[in-house]
PDB file of N, CA and C in Angstrom:
ATOM      1  N   MET A   1     -23.294 -27.036  -6.339  1.00  0.00           N
ATOM      2  CA  MET A   1     -24.166 -27.078  -5.167  1.00  0.00           C
ATOM      3  C   MET A   1     -23.291 -27.882  -4.258  1.00  0.00           C
ATOM      4  N   SER A   2     -23.189 -27.509  -3.137  1.00  0.00           N
ATOM      5  CA  SER A   2     -22.482 -28.135  -2.029  1.00  0.00           C
ATOM      6  C   SER A   2     -23.237 -29.219  -1.439  1.00  0.00           C
ATOM      7  N   THR A   3     -22.558 -30.422  -1.237  1.00  0.00           N
ATOM      8  CA  THR A   3     -23.203 -31.511  -0.525  1.00  0.00           C
ATOM      9  C   THR A   3     -22.755 -31.624   1.043  1.00  0.00           C
ATOM     10  N   GLU A   4     -21.892 -30.735   1.604  1.00  0.00           N
ATOM     11  CA  GLU A   4     -21.506 -30.595   2.810  1.00  0.00           C
ATOM     12  C   GLU A   4     -22.548 -30.463   3.708  1.00  0.00           C
ATOM     13  N   ASN A   5     -22.515 -31.513   4.776  1.00  0.00           N
ATOM     14  CA  ASN A   5     -23.588 -31.410   5.912  1.00  0.00           C
ATOM     15  C   ASN A   5     -22.923 -30.404   6.847  1.00  0.00           C
ATOM     16  N   LEU A   6     -23.628 -29.486   7.547  1.00  0.00           N
ATOM     17  CA  LEU A   6     -23.231 -28.606   8.386  1.00  0.00           C
ATOM     18  C   LEU A   6     -23.894 -29.000   9.694  1.00  0.00           C
ATOM     19  N   THR A   7     -23.183 -28.683  10.868  1.00  0.00           N
ATOM     20  CA  THR A   7     -23.839 -28.843  12.159  1.00  0.00           C
ATOM     21  C   THR A   7     -24.965 -27.785  12.262  1.00  0.00           C
ATOM     22  N   GLN A   8     -25.693 -27.913  13.378  1.00  0.00           N
ATOM     23  CA  GLN A   8     -26.860 -26.824  13.536  1.00  0.00           C
ATOM     24  C   GLN A   8     -26.338 -25.364  13.545  1.00  0.00           C
ATOM     25  N   GLN A   9     -25.225 -25.230  14.376  1.00  0.00           N
ATOM     26  CA  GLN A   9     -24.747 -23.989  14.694  1.00  0.00           C
ATOM     27  C   GLN A   9     -23.948 -23.318  13.211  1.00  0.00           C
ATOM     28  N   GLU A  10     -23.338 -24.229  12.792  1.00  0.00           N
ATOM     29  CA  GLU A  10     -22.775 -23.664  11.290  1.00  0.00           C
ATOM     30  C   GLU A  10     -23.940 -23.571  10.393  1.00  0.00           C
ATOM     31  N   ALA A  11     -24.862 -24.190  10.408  1.00  0.00           N
ATOM     32  CA  ALA A  11     -26.004 -23.907   9.348  1.00  0.00           C
ATOM     33  C   ALA A  11     -26.634 -22.739   9.718  1.00  0.00           C
ATOM     34  N   ALA A  12     -27.082 -22.444  10.963  1.00  0.00           N
ATOM     35  CA  ALA A  12     -27.544 -21.035  11.435  1.00  0.00           C
ATOM     36  C   ALA A  12     -26.602 -19.881  11.073  1.00  0.00           C
ATOM     37  N   GLN A  13     -25.372 -20.043  11.312  1.00  0.00           N
ATOM     38  CA  GLN A  13     -24.375 -19.103  10.758  1.00  0.00           C
ATOM     39  C   GLN A  13     -24.324 -18.736   9.461  1.00  0.00           C
ATOM     40  N   LYS A  14     -24.399 -19.735   8.623  1.00  0.00           N
ATOM     41  CA  LYS A  14     -24.328 -19.754   7.041  1.00  0.00           C
ATOM     42  C   LYS A  14     -25.648 -19.215   6.463  1.00  0.00           C
ATOM     43  N   LEU A  15     -26.800 -19.451   7.214  1.00  0.00           N
ATOM     44  CA  LEU A  15     -28.129 -18.812   7.044  1.00  0.00           C
ATOM     45  C   LEU A  15     -28.216 -17.234   7.142  1.00  0.00           C
ATOM     46  N   LYS A  16     -27.551 -16.934   8.556  1.00  0.00           N
ATOM     47  CA  LYS A  16     -27.440 -15.637   8.830  1.00  0.00           C
ATOM     48  C   LYS A  16     -26.574 -14.788   7.816  1.00  0.00           C
ATOM     49  N   GLU A  17     -25.401 -15.347   7.553  1.00  0.00           N
ATOM     50  CA  GLU A  17     -24.597 -14.828   6.635  1.00  0.00           C
ATOM     51  C   GLU A  17     -25.316 -14.513   5.211  1.00  0.00           C
ATOM     52  N   LEU A  18     -25.925 -15.393   4.639  1.00  0.00           N
ATOM     53  CA  LEU A  18     -26.477 -15.500   3.204  1.00  0.00           C
ATOM     54  C   LEU A  18     -27.798 -14.466   3.288  1.00  0.00           C
ATOM     55  N   SER A  19     -28.665 -14.632   4.387  1.00  0.00           N
ATOM     56  CA  SER A  19     -29.863 -13.916   4.371  1.00  0.00           C
ATOM     57  C   SER A  19     -29.622 -12.528   4.662  1.00  0.00           C
ATOM     58  N   GLU A  20     -28.590 -12.079   5.561  1.00  0.00           N
ATOM     59  CA  GLU A  20     -28.424 -10.705   6.007  1.00  0.00           C
ATOM     60  C   GLU A  20     -27.749 -10.013   4.843  1.00  0.00           C
ATOM     61  N   LYS A  21     -26.960 -10.774   4.000  1.00  0.00           N
ATOM     62  CA  LYS A  21     -26.217 -10.128   2.982  1.00  0.00           C
ATOM     63  C   LYS A  21     -27.162  -9.736   1.684  1.00  0.00           C
ATOM     64  N   ALA A  22     -28.194 -10.618   1.584  1.00  0.00           N
ATOM     65  CA  ALA A  22     -29.229 -10.343   0.555  1.00  0.00           C
ATOM     66  C   ALA A  22     -30.211  -9.405   0.993  1.00  0.00           C
ATOM     67  N   ARG A  23     -30.697  -9.335   2.230  1.00  0.00           N
ATOM     68  CA  ARG A  23     -31.618  -8.595   3.044  1.00  0.00           C
ATOM     69  C   ARG A  23     -33.067  -8.533   2.512  1.00  0.00           C
ATOM     70  N   ILE A  24     -33.295  -8.652   1.266  1.00  0.00           N
ATOM     71  CA  ILE A  24     -34.583  -8.720   0.815  1.00  0.00           C
ATOM     72  C   ILE A  24     -34.946 -10.069   0.095  1.00  0.00           C
ATOM     73  N   CYS A  25     -36.083 -10.436   0.449  1.00  0.00           N
ATOM     74  CA  CYS A  25     -36.615 -11.741  -0.223  1.00  0.00           C
ATOM     75  C   CYS A  25     -37.916 -11.530  -0.658  1.00  0.00           C
ATOM     76  N   MET A  26     -38.352 -12.481  -1.584  1.00  0.00           N
ATOM     77  CA  MET A  26     -39.787 -12.718  -1.918  1.00  0.00           C
ATOM     78  C   MET A  26     -40.428 -13.717  -0.649  1.00  0.00           C
ATOM     79  N   PHE A  27     -41.367 -13.345  -0.053  1.00  0.00           N
ATOM     80  CA  PHE A  27     -41.895 -13.876   1.085  1.00  0.00           C
ATOM     81  C   PHE A  27     -43.363 -14.480   0.438  1.00  0.00           C
ATOM     82  N   CYS A  28     -43.449 -15.675   0.419  1.00  0.00           N
ATOM     83  CA  CYS A  28     -44.517 -16.597  -0.195  1.00  0.00           C
ATOM     84  C   CYS A  28     -45.417 -17.189   0.789  1.00  0.00           C
ATOM     85  N   THR A  29     -46.633 -16.935   0.828  1.00  0.00           N
ATOM     86  CA  THR A  29     -47.825 -17.701   1.614  1.00  0.00           C
ATOM     87  C   THR A  29     -48.603 -18.398   0.764  1.00  0.00           C
ATOM     88  N   GLN A  30     -49.627 -18.948   1.465  1.00  0.00           N
ATOM     89  CA  GLN A  30     -50.680 -19.840   0.652  1.00  0.00           C
ATOM     90  C   GLN A  30     -50.141 -20.640  -0.281  1.00  0.00           C
ATOM     91  N   LEU A  31     -48.984 -21.510   0.061  1.00  0.00           N
ATOM     92  CA  LEU A  31     -48.408 -22.528  -0.857  1.00  0.00           C
ATOM     93  C   LEU A  31     -49.105 -23.529  -1.625  1.00  0.00           C
ATOM     94  N   ASP A  32     -50.486 -23.762  -1.137  1.00  0.00           N
ATOM     95  CA  ASP A  32     -51.113 -24.787  -1.869  1.00  0.00           C
ATOM     96  C   ASP A  32     -51.995 -24.053  -2.828  1.00  0.00           C
ATOM     97  N   GLU A  33     -51.977 -22.945  -3.107  1.00  0.00           N
ATOM     98  CA  GLU A  33     -52.829 -22.112  -4.266  1.00  0.00           C
ATOM     99  C   GLU A  33     -51.846 -21.546  -5.014  1.00  0.00           C
ATOM    100  N   LEU A  34     -52.069 -21.667  -6.456  1.00  0.00           N
ATOM    101  CA  LEU A  34     -51.348 -20.981  -7.515  1.00  0.00           C
ATOM    102  C   LEU A  34     -52.133 -19.877  -8.198  1.00  0.00           C
ATOM    103  N   PRO A  35     -51.609 -18.807  -8.480  1.00  0.00           N
ATOM    104  CA  PRO A  35     -50.198 -18.557  -8.287  1.00  0.00           C
ATOM    105  C   PRO A  35     -49.969 -18.345  -6.756  1.00  0.00           C
ATOM    106  N   LEU A  36     -48.700 -18.470  -6.380  1.00  0.00           N
ATOM    107  CA  LEU A  36     -48.204 -18.145  -4.892  1.00  0.00           C
ATOM    108  C   LEU A  36     -48.664 -16.658  -4.645  1.00  0.00           C
ATOM    109  N   ALA A  37     -48.968 -16.500  -3.277  1.00  0.00           N
ATOM    110  CA  ALA A  37     -49.073 -15.009  -2.707  1.00  0.00           C
ATOM    111  C   ALA A  37     -47.510 -14.669  -2.382  1.00  0.00           C
ATOM    112  N   ALA A  38     -47.038 -13.840  -3.224  1.00  0.00           N
ATOM    113  CA  ALA A  38     -45.711 -13.553  -2.958  1.00  0.00           C
ATOM    114  C   ALA A  38     -45.371 -11.829  -2.904  1.00  0.00           C
ATOM    115  N   ARG A  39     -44.553 -11.460  -1.966  1.00  0.00           N
ATOM    116  CA  ARG A  39     -44.301 -10.097  -1.845  1.00  0.00           C
ATOM    117  C   ARG A  39     -42.893  -9.899  -1.457  1.00  0.00           C
ATOM    118  N   PRO A  40     -42.137  -8.790  -1.793  1.00  0.00           N
ATOM    119  CA  PRO A  40     -40.895  -8.541  -1.236  1.00  0.00           C
ATOM    120  C   PRO A  40     -40.877  -8.130   0.164  1.00  0.00           C
ATOM    121  N   MET A  41     -40.134  -8.636   0.999  1.00  0.00           N
ATOM    122  CA  MET A  41     -40.042  -8.261   2.425  1.00  0.00           C
ATOM    123  C   MET A  41     -38.522  -8.027   2.784  1.00  0.00           C
ATOM    124  N   THR A  42     -38.242  -7.132   3.550  1.00  0.00           N
ATOM    125  CA  THR A  42     -36.890  -6.666   4.037  1.00  0.00           C
ATOM    126  C   THR A  42     -36.557  -7.514   5.435  1.00  0.00           C
ATOM    127  N   LEU A  43     -35.520  -8.319   5.331  1.00  0.00           N
ATOM    128  CA  LEU A  43     -35.396  -8.957   6.437  1.00  0.00           C
ATOM    129  C   LEU A  43     -34.776  -7.928   7.749  1.00  0.00           C
ATOM    130  N   GLN A  44     -35.528  -8.118   8.753  1.00  0.00           N
ATOM    131  CA  GLN A  44     -35.131  -7.107   9.935  1.00  0.00           C
ATOM    132  C   GLN A  44     -33.606  -7.832  10.707  1.00  0.00           C
ATOM    133  N   GLU A  45     -33.851  -9.111  10.801  1.00  0.00           N
ATOM    134  CA  GLU A  45     -32.753  -9.672  11.436  1.00  0.00           C
ATOM    135  C   GLU A  45     -32.644 -11.411  11.155  1.00  0.00           C
ATOM    136  N   CYS A  46     -31.589 -11.812  11.207  1.00  0.00           N
ATOM    137  CA  CYS A  46     -31.406 -13.291  11.440  1.00  0.00           C
ATOM    138  C   CYS A  46     -30.575 -13.500  12.620  1.00  0.00           C
ATOM    139  N   ASP A  47     -31.314 -14.262  13.753  1.00  0.00           N
ATOM    140  CA  ASP A  47     -30.513 -14.189  14.905  1.00  0.00           C
ATOM    141  C   ASP A  47     -29.752 -15.402  15.052  1.00  0.00           C
ATOM    142  N   GLU A  48     -29.081 -15.761  16.125  1.00  0.00           N
ATOM    143  CA  GLU A  48     -28.069 -16.681  16.404  1.00  0.00           C
ATOM    144  C   GLU A  48     -28.534 -18.257  16.167  1.00  0.00           C
ATOM    145  N   GLU A  49     -29.863 -18.301  16.427  1.00  0.00           N
ATOM    146  CA  GLU A  49     -30.379 -19.603  16.129  1.00  0.00           C
ATOM    147  C   GLU A  49     -30.913 -19.907  14.866  1.00  0.00           C
ATOM    148  N   GLY A  50     -30.962 -18.917  13.893  1.00  0.00           N
ATOM    149  CA  GLY A  50     -31.219 -18.929  12.626  1.00  0.00           C
ATOM    150  C   GLY A  50     -32.714 -18.551  12.350  1.00  0.00           C
ATOM    151  N   ASN A  51     -33.354 -17.888  13.304  1.00  0.00           N
ATOM    152  CA  ASN A  51     -34.768 -17.353  13.310  1.00  0.00           C
ATOM    153  C   ASN A  51     -34.602 -16.177  12.421  1.00  0.00           C
ATOM    154  N   LEU A  52     -35.656 -15.920  11.362  1.00  0.00           N
ATOM    155  CA  LEU A  52     -35.522 -14.845  10.471  1.00  0.00           C
ATOM    156  C   LEU A  52     -36.907 -13.879  10.848  1.00  0.00           C
ATOM    157  N   TRP A  53     -36.519 -12.395  11.217  1.00  0.00           N
ATOM    158  CA  TRP A  53     -37.387 -11.495  11.575  1.00  0.00           C
ATOM    159  C   TRP A  53     -37.678 -10.625  10.696  1.00  0.00           C
ATOM    160  N   PHE A  54     -38.852 -10.248  10.580  1.00  0.00           N
ATOM    161  CA  PHE A  54     -39.339  -9.437   9.626  1.00  0.00           C
ATOM    162  C   PHE A  54     -40.476  -8.524  10.412  1.00  0.00           C
ATOM    163  N   ILE A  55     -40.616  -7.284   9.961  1.00  0.00           N
ATOM    164  CA  ILE A  55     -41.536  -6.438  10.456  1.00  0.00           C
ATOM    165  C   ILE A  55     -42.897  -6.110   9.475  1.00  0.00           C
ATOM    166  N   SER A  56     -44.122  -6.377   9.876  1.00  0.00           N
ATOM    167  CA  SER A  56     -45.147  -6.268   9.179  1.00  0.00           C
ATOM    168  C   SER A  56     -46.284  -5.553   9.777  1.00  0.00           C
ATOM    169  N   SER A  57     -46.972  -4.821   8.650  1.00  0.00           N
ATOM    170  CA  SER A  57     -48.119  -3.953   9.103  1.00  0.00           C
ATOM    171  C   SER A  57     -49.096  -4.708   9.913  1.00  0.00           C
ATOM    172  N   ALA A  58     -49.893  -4.314  10.871  1.00  0.00           N
ATOM    173  CA  ALA A  58     -50.582  -5.177  11.709  1.00  0.00           C
ATOM    174  C   ALA A  58     -51.979  -5.632  10.868  1.00  0.00           C
ATOM    175  N   ASP A  59     -52.133  -4.741   9.757  1.00  0.00           N
ATOM    176  CA  ASP A  59     -53.410  -5.276   9.003  1.00  0.00           C
ATOM    177  C   ASP A  59     -52.864  -5.870   7.706  1.00  0.00           C
ATOM    178  N   SER A  60     -51.776  -6.476   7.564  1.00  0.00           N
ATOM    179  CA  SER A  60     -51.272  -7.021   6.504  1.00  0.00           C
ATOM    180  C   SER A  60     -51.941  -8.307   6.114  1.00  0.00           C
ATOM    181  N   ASN A  61     -52.259  -8.374   4.730  1.00  0.00           N
ATOM    182  CA  ASN A  61     -52.828  -9.694   4.284  1.00  0.00           C
ATOM    183  C   ASN A  61     -51.914 -10.985   4.523  1.00  0.00           C
ATOM    184  N   LYS A  62     -50.728 -10.739   4.436  1.00  0.00           N
ATOM    185  CA  LYS A  62     -49.823 -11.876   4.873  1.00  0.00           C
ATOM    186  C   LYS A  62     -50.001 -12.387   6.147  1.00  0.00           C
ATOM    187  N   ASN A  63     -50.226 -11.418   7.220  1.00  0.00           N
ATOM    188  CA  ASN A  63     -50.775 -11.876   8.611  1.00  0.00           C
ATOM    189  C   ASN A  63     -51.804 -12.867   8.477  1.00  0.00           C
ATOM    190  N   PHE A  64     -52.852 -12.451   7.920  1.00  0.00           N
ATOM    191  CA  PHE A  64     -54.115 -13.257   7.825  1.00  0.00           C
ATOM    192  C   PHE A  64     -53.692 -14.519   7.160  1.00  0.00           C
ATOM    193  N   GLU A  65     -53.063 -14.498   6.018  1.00  0.00           N
ATOM    194  CA  GLU A  65     -52.767 -15.784   5.483  1.00  0.00           C
ATOM    195  C   GLU A  65     -51.785 -16.645   6.365  1.00  0.00           C
ATOM    196  N   ILE A  66     -50.918 -16.241   7.176  1.00  0.00           N
ATOM    197  CA  ILE A  66     -50.199 -16.894   8.161  1.00  0.00           C
ATOM    198  C   ILE A  66     -51.239 -17.423   9.186  1.00  0.00           C
ATOM    199  N   GLY A  67     -51.968 -16.782   9.588  1.00  0.00           N
ATOM    200  CA  GLY A  67     -53.046 -17.151  10.550  1.00  0.00           C
ATOM    201  C   GLY A  67     -53.659 -18.429   9.922  1.00  0.00           C
ATOM    202  N   ASP A  68     -53.945 -18.416   8.786  1.00  0.00           N
ATOM    203  CA  ASP A  68     -54.713 -19.729   8.330  1.00  0.00           C
ATOM    204  C   ASP A  68     -53.777 -20.774   7.867  1.00  0.00           C
ATOM    205  N   ASP A  69     -52.501 -20.499   7.498  1.00  0.00           N
ATOM    206  CA  ASP A  69     -51.641 -21.736   7.198  1.00  0.00           C
ATOM    207  C   ASP A  69     -50.091 -20.913   7.495  1.00  0.00           C
ATOM    208  N   LYS A  70     -49.390 -21.782   8.315  1.00  0.00           N
ATOM    209  CA  LYS A  70     -48.150 -21.073   8.997  1.00  0.00           C
ATOM    210  C   LYS A  70     -46.909 -21.390   7.795  1.00  0.00           C
ATOM    211  N   SER A  71     -47.312 -22.187   6.883  1.00  0.00           N
ATOM    212  CA  SER A  71     -46.230 -22.643   5.966  1.00  0.00           C
ATOM    213  C   SER A  71     -45.845 -21.395   5.133  1.00  0.00           C
ATOM    214  N   VAL A  72     -44.584 -21.215   4.859  1.00  0.00           N
ATOM    215  CA  VAL A  72     -44.108 -20.031   4.066  1.00  0.00           C
ATOM    216  C   VAL A  72     -42.839 -20.502   3.430  1.00  0.00           C
ATOM    217  N   GLN A  73     -42.618 -19.979   2.154  1.00  0.00           N
ATOM    218  CA  GLN A  73     -41.341 -20.024   1.556  1.00  0.00           C
ATOM    219  C   GLN A  73     -40.663 -18.745   1.170  1.00  0.00           C
ATOM    220  N   LEU A  74     -39.404 -18.736   1.405  1.00  0.00           N
ATOM    221  CA  LEU A  74     -38.758 -17.478   1.183  1.00  0.00           C
ATOM    222  C   LEU A  74     -37.688 -17.606   0.147  1.00  0.00           C
ATOM    223  N   PHE A  75     -37.404 -16.645  -0.745  1.00  0.00           N
ATOM    224  CA  PHE A  75     -36.413 -16.710  -1.719  1.00  0.00           C
ATOM    225  C   PHE A  75     -35.510 -15.509  -1.595  1.00  0.00           C
ATOM    226  N   PHE A  76     -34.240 -15.581  -1.130  1.00  0.00           N
ATOM    227  CA  PHE A  76     -33.309 -14.685  -1.146  1.00  0.00           C
ATOM    228  C   PHE A  76     -32.382 -14.644  -2.511  1.00  0.00           C
ATOM    229  N   MET A  77     -31.877 -13.483  -2.808  1.00  0.00           N
ATOM    230  CA  MET A  77     -30.975 -13.613  -4.153  1.00  0.00           C
ATOM    231  C   MET A  77     -29.907 -12.303  -3.893  1.00  0.00           C
ATOM    232  N   ASN A  78     -28.666 -12.722  -3.717  1.00  0.00           N
ATOM    233  CA  ASN A  78     -27.617 -11.924  -3.896  1.00  0.00           C
ATOM    234  C   ASN A  78     -26.781 -11.944  -5.281  1.00  0.00           C
ATOM    235  N   ASN A  79     -27.422 -11.323  -6.084  1.00  0.00           N
ATOM    236  CA  ASN A  79     -26.956 -11.442  -7.676  1.00  0.00           C
ATOM    237  C   ASN A  79     -25.451 -11.224  -7.848  1.00  0.00           C
ATOM    238  N   SER A  80     -25.201 -10.188  -6.937  1.00  0.00           N
ATOM    239  CA  SER A  80     -23.599  -9.944  -7.365  1.00  0.00           C
ATOM    240  C   SER A  80     -22.553 -10.919  -6.764  1.00  0.00           C
ATOM    241  N   ASP A  81     -22.909 -11.659  -5.912  1.00  0.00           N
ATOM    242  CA  ASP A  81     -22.099 -12.885  -5.638  1.00  0.00           C
ATOM    243  C   ASP A  81     -22.635 -14.182  -5.832  1.00  0.00           C
ATOM    244  N   HIS A  82     -23.547 -14.081  -6.849  1.00  0.00           N
ATOM    245  CA  HIS A  82     -24.259 -15.400  -7.420  1.00  0.00           C
ATOM    246  C   HIS A  82     -24.764 -16.192  -6.146  1.00  0.00           C
ATOM    247  N   GLU A  83     -25.172 -15.771  -5.191  1.00  0.00           N
ATOM    248  CA  GLU A  83     -25.824 -16.600  -4.030  1.00  0.00           C
ATOM    249  C   GLU A  83     -27.227 -16.465  -4.101  1.00  0.00           C
ATOM    250  N   TYR A  84     -27.817 -17.657  -3.808  1.00  0.00           N
ATOM    251  CA  TYR A  84     -29.350 -17.774  -3.935  1.00  0.00           C
ATOM    252  C   TYR A  84     -29.721 -18.869  -2.753  1.00  0.00           C
ATOM    253  N   LEU A  85     -30.819 -18.343  -2.009  1.00  0.00           N
ATOM    254  CA  LEU A  85     -31.093 -18.979  -0.673  1.00  0.00           C
ATOM    255  C   LEU A  85     -32.708 -19.344  -0.854  1.00  0.00           C
ATOM    256  N   SER A  86     -33.145 -20.439  -0.825  1.00  0.00           N
ATOM    257  CA  SER A  86     -34.684 -20.988  -0.525  1.00  0.00           C
ATOM    258  C   SER A  86     -34.797 -21.381   0.600  1.00  0.00           C
ATOM    259  N   ILE A  87     -35.656 -20.922   1.352  1.00  0.00           N
ATOM    260  CA  ILE A  87     -36.162 -21.373   2.820  1.00  0.00           C
ATOM    261  C   ILE A  87     -37.555 -21.843   2.864  1.00  0.00           C
ATOM    262  N   PHE A  88     -37.870 -22.972   3.371  1.00  0.00           N
ATOM    263  CA  PHE A  88     -39.409 -23.386   3.486  1.00  0.00           C
ATOM    264  C   PHE A  88     -39.374 -23.685   5.112  1.00  0.00           C
ATOM    265  N   GLY A  89     -40.410 -23.090   5.787  1.00  0.00           N
ATOM    266  CA  GLY A  89     -40.678 -23.462   7.110  1.00  0.00           C
ATOM    267  C   GLY A  89     -41.899 -22.735   7.587  1.00  0.00           C
ATOM    268  N   GLU A  90     -42.184 -22.605   8.971  1.00  0.00           N
ATOM    269  CA  GLU A  90     -43.252 -22.120   9.610  1.00  0.00           C
ATOM    270  C   GLU A  90     -43.023 -20.626   9.991  1.00  0.00           C
ATOM    271  N   ALA A  91     -43.982 -19.888  10.004  1.00  0.00           N
ATOM    272  CA  ALA A  91     -43.921 -18.293  10.354  1.00  0.00           C
ATOM    273  C   ALA A  91     -44.963 -18.303  11.507  1.00  0.00           C
ATOM    274  N   PHE A  92     -44.406 -17.307  12.507  1.00  0.00           N
ATOM    275  CA  PHE A  92     -45.111 -16.908  13.835  1.00  0.00           C
ATOM    276  C   PHE A  92     -45.273 -15.603  13.862  1.00  0.00           C
ATOM    277  N   ILE A  93     -46.641 -15.148  14.150  1.00  0.00           N
ATOM    278  CA  ILE A  93     -46.673 -13.745  14.370  1.00  0.00           C
ATOM    279  C   ILE A  93     -46.660 -13.409  15.964  1.00  0.00           C
ATOM    280  N   TYR A  94     -45.853 -12.292  16.101  1.00  0.00           N
ATOM    281  CA  TYR A  94     -45.869 -11.817  17.347  1.00  0.00           C
ATOM    282  C   TYR A  94     -46.366 -10.490  17.346  1.00  0.00           C
ATOM    283  N   THR A  95     -47.273 -10.250  18.255  1.00  0.00           N
ATOM    284  CA  THR A  95     -47.825  -8.851  18.624  1.00  0.00           C
ATOM    285  C   THR A  95     -47.744  -8.146  20.023  1.00  0.00           C
ATOM    286  N   ASP A  96     -46.786  -8.932  20.987  1.00  0.00           N
ATOM    287  CA  ASP A  96     -46.319  -8.345  22.103  1.00  0.00           C
ATOM    288  C   ASP A  96     -45.296  -7.119  21.997  1.00  0.00           C
ATOM    289  N   ARG A  97     -45.601  -6.236  22.802  1.00  0.00           N
ATOM    290  CA  ARG A  97     -44.677  -4.921  22.490  1.00  0.00           C
ATOM    291  C   ARG A  97     -43.426  -5.056  22.861  1.00  0.00           C
ATOM    292  N   GLU A  98     -43.115  -6.042  23.724  1.00  0.00           N
ATOM    293  CA  GLU A  98     -41.500  -6.410  24.303  1.00  0.00           C
ATOM    294  C   GLU A  98     -40.666  -6.903  22.993  1.00  0.00           C
ATOM    295  N   THR A  99     -41.321  -7.781  22.400  1.00  0.00           N
ATOM    296  CA  THR A  99     -40.650  -8.407  21.152  1.00  0.00           C
ATOM    297  C   THR A  99     -40.490  -7.352  20.000  1.00  0.00           C
ATOM    298  N   ILE A 100     -41.507  -6.749  19.796  1.00  0.00           N
ATOM    299  CA  ILE A 100     -41.532  -5.629  18.559  1.00  0.00           C
ATOM    300  C   ILE A 100     -40.417  -4.604  18.965  1.00  0.00           C
ATOM    301  N   GLU A 101     -40.456  -4.051  20.249  1.00  0.00           N
ATOM    302  CA  GLU A 101     -39.585  -3.027  20.469  1.00  0.00           C
ATOM    303  C   GLU A 101     -38.149  -3.684  20.739  1.00  0.00           C
ATOM    304  N   GLU A 102     -37.926  -4.883  20.931  1.00  0.00           N
ATOM    305  CA  GLU A 102     -36.526  -5.547  20.829  1.00  0.00           C
ATOM    306  C   GLU A 102     -36.071  -5.454  19.429  1.00  0.00           C
ATOM    307  N   LYS A 103     -36.941  -5.778  18.402  1.00  0.00           N
ATOM    308  CA  LYS A 103     -36.510  -5.822  16.994  1.00  0.00           C
ATOM    309  C   LYS A 103     -36.534  -4.642  16.249  1.00  0.00           C
ATOM    310  N   TRP A 104     -37.265  -3.649  16.803  1.00  0.00           N
ATOM    311  CA  TRP A 104     -37.439  -2.527  16.326  1.00  0.00           C
ATOM    312  C   TRP A 104     -36.086  -1.887  15.558  1.00  0.00           C
ATOM    313  N   SER A 105     -36.153  -1.288  14.783  1.00  0.00           N
ATOM    314  CA  SER A 105     -34.963  -0.228  14.350  1.00  0.00           C
ATOM    315  C   SER A 105     -35.498   1.091  13.686  1.00  0.00           C
ATOM    316  N   PRO A 106     -34.803   2.039  13.526  1.00  0.00           N
ATOM    317  CA  PRO A 106     -35.186   3.298  12.965  1.00  0.00           C
ATOM    318  C   PRO A 106     -35.715   3.279  11.484  1.00  0.00           C
ATOM    319  N   LEU A 107     -35.054   2.326  10.736  1.00  0.00           N
ATOM    320  CA  LEU A 107     -35.714   2.060   9.552  1.00  0.00           C
ATOM    321  C   LEU A 107     -36.896   1.447   9.583  1.00  0.00           C
ATOM    322  N   ALA A 108     -37.296   0.582  10.421  1.00  0.00           N
ATOM    323  CA  ALA A 108     -38.654  -0.040  10.655  1.00  0.00           C
ATOM    324  C   ALA A 108     -39.656   1.072  11.093  1.00  0.00           C
ATOM    325  N   LYS A 109     -39.077   1.925  12.063  1.00  0.00           N
ATOM    326  CA  LYS A 109     -40.083   2.906  12.432  1.00  0.00           C
ATOM    327  C   LYS A 109     -40.554   3.676  11.375  1.00  0.00           C
ATOM    328  N   ALA A 110     -39.644   4.208  10.352  1.00  0.00           N
ATOM    329  CA  ALA A 110     -40.159   4.891   9.117  1.00  0.00           C
ATOM    330  C   ALA A 110     -41.132   4.307   8.345  1.00  0.00           C
ATOM    331  N   TRP A 111     -41.205   2.843   8.283  1.00  0.00           N
ATOM    332  CA  TRP A 111     -42.115   2.365   7.751  1.00  0.00           C
ATOM    333  C   TRP A 111     -43.548   1.898   8.457  1.00  0.00           C
ATOM    334  N   PHE A 112     -43.422   1.608   9.794  1.00  0.00           N
ATOM    335  CA  PHE A 112     -44.663   1.363  10.313  1.00  0.00           C
ATOM    336  C   PHE A 112     -44.665   2.026  11.684  1.00  0.00           C
ATOM    337  N   GLU A 113     -45.966   2.719  11.870  1.00  0.00           N
ATOM    338  CA  GLU A 113     -46.029   3.311  13.148  1.00  0.00           C
ATOM    339  C   GLU A 113     -46.488   2.219  14.230  1.00  0.00           C
ATOM    340  N   GLU A 114     -47.418   1.416  13.907  1.00  0.00           N
ATOM    341  CA  GLU A 114     -47.659   0.200  14.582  1.00  0.00           C
ATOM    342  C   GLU A 114     -47.811  -1.047  13.753  1.00  0.00           C
ATOM    343  N   GLY A 115     -47.004  -2.139  14.107  1.00  0.00           N
ATOM    344  CA  GLY A 115     -46.793  -3.308  13.531  1.00  0.00           C
ATOM    345  C   GLY A 115     -46.672  -4.674  14.133  1.00  0.00           C
ATOM    346  N   LYS A 116     -46.624  -5.626  13.542  1.00  0.00           N
ATOM    347  CA  LYS A 116     -46.468  -6.998  14.107  1.00  0.00           C
ATOM    348  C   LYS A 116     -44.999  -7.481  13.669  1.00  0.00           C
ATOM    349  N   MET A 117     -44.597  -8.571  14.551  1.00  0.00           N
ATOM    350  CA  MET A 117     -43.351  -9.126  14.062  1.00  0.00           C
ATOM    351  C   MET A 117     -43.589 -10.461  13.424  1.00  0.00           C
ATOM    352  N   ILE A 118     -43.085 -10.798  12.501  1.00  0.00           N
ATOM    353  CA  ILE A 118     -42.998 -12.259  11.929  1.00  0.00           C
ATOM    354  C   ILE A 118     -41.836 -12.960  12.041  1.00  0.00           C
ATOM    355  N   GLN A 119     -41.711 -14.014  12.526  1.00  0.00           N
ATOM    356  CA  GLN A 119     -40.553 -14.909  12.802  1.00  0.00           C
ATOM    357  C   GLN A 119     -40.678 -16.282  12.063  1.00  0.00           C
ATOM    358  N   MET A 120     -39.704 -16.388  11.218  1.00  0.00           N
ATOM    359  CA  MET A 120     -39.841 -17.834  10.290  1.00  0.00           C
ATOM    360  C   MET A 120     -38.588 -18.665  10.884  1.00  0.00           C
TER     361      MET A 120
END
């Protein structure tokens, strides 16, 4: 395990590199309850500031859970390179069309006709 301290910009770049390489994570909500509510989610994007973007169905349970408690834990794994990433933070749900259309992709369109964006 590295003990190197990274600048904010270096940390965001490393987060982007690791998360986008793995793409799929276990997205956990309701962290104060056991067992954790966890489901696989595909990362849409990690922006330059280190914000992680996911697309979620408008009526998804995770959206209701985030509405009750914004705390989430994400677990990424890139087994081929033995890279693992655990992230704890707060999630925010975006319902405005401009944000959704900005982050939308052909792959996302195949999954959801109408959705919400989750930023963590």
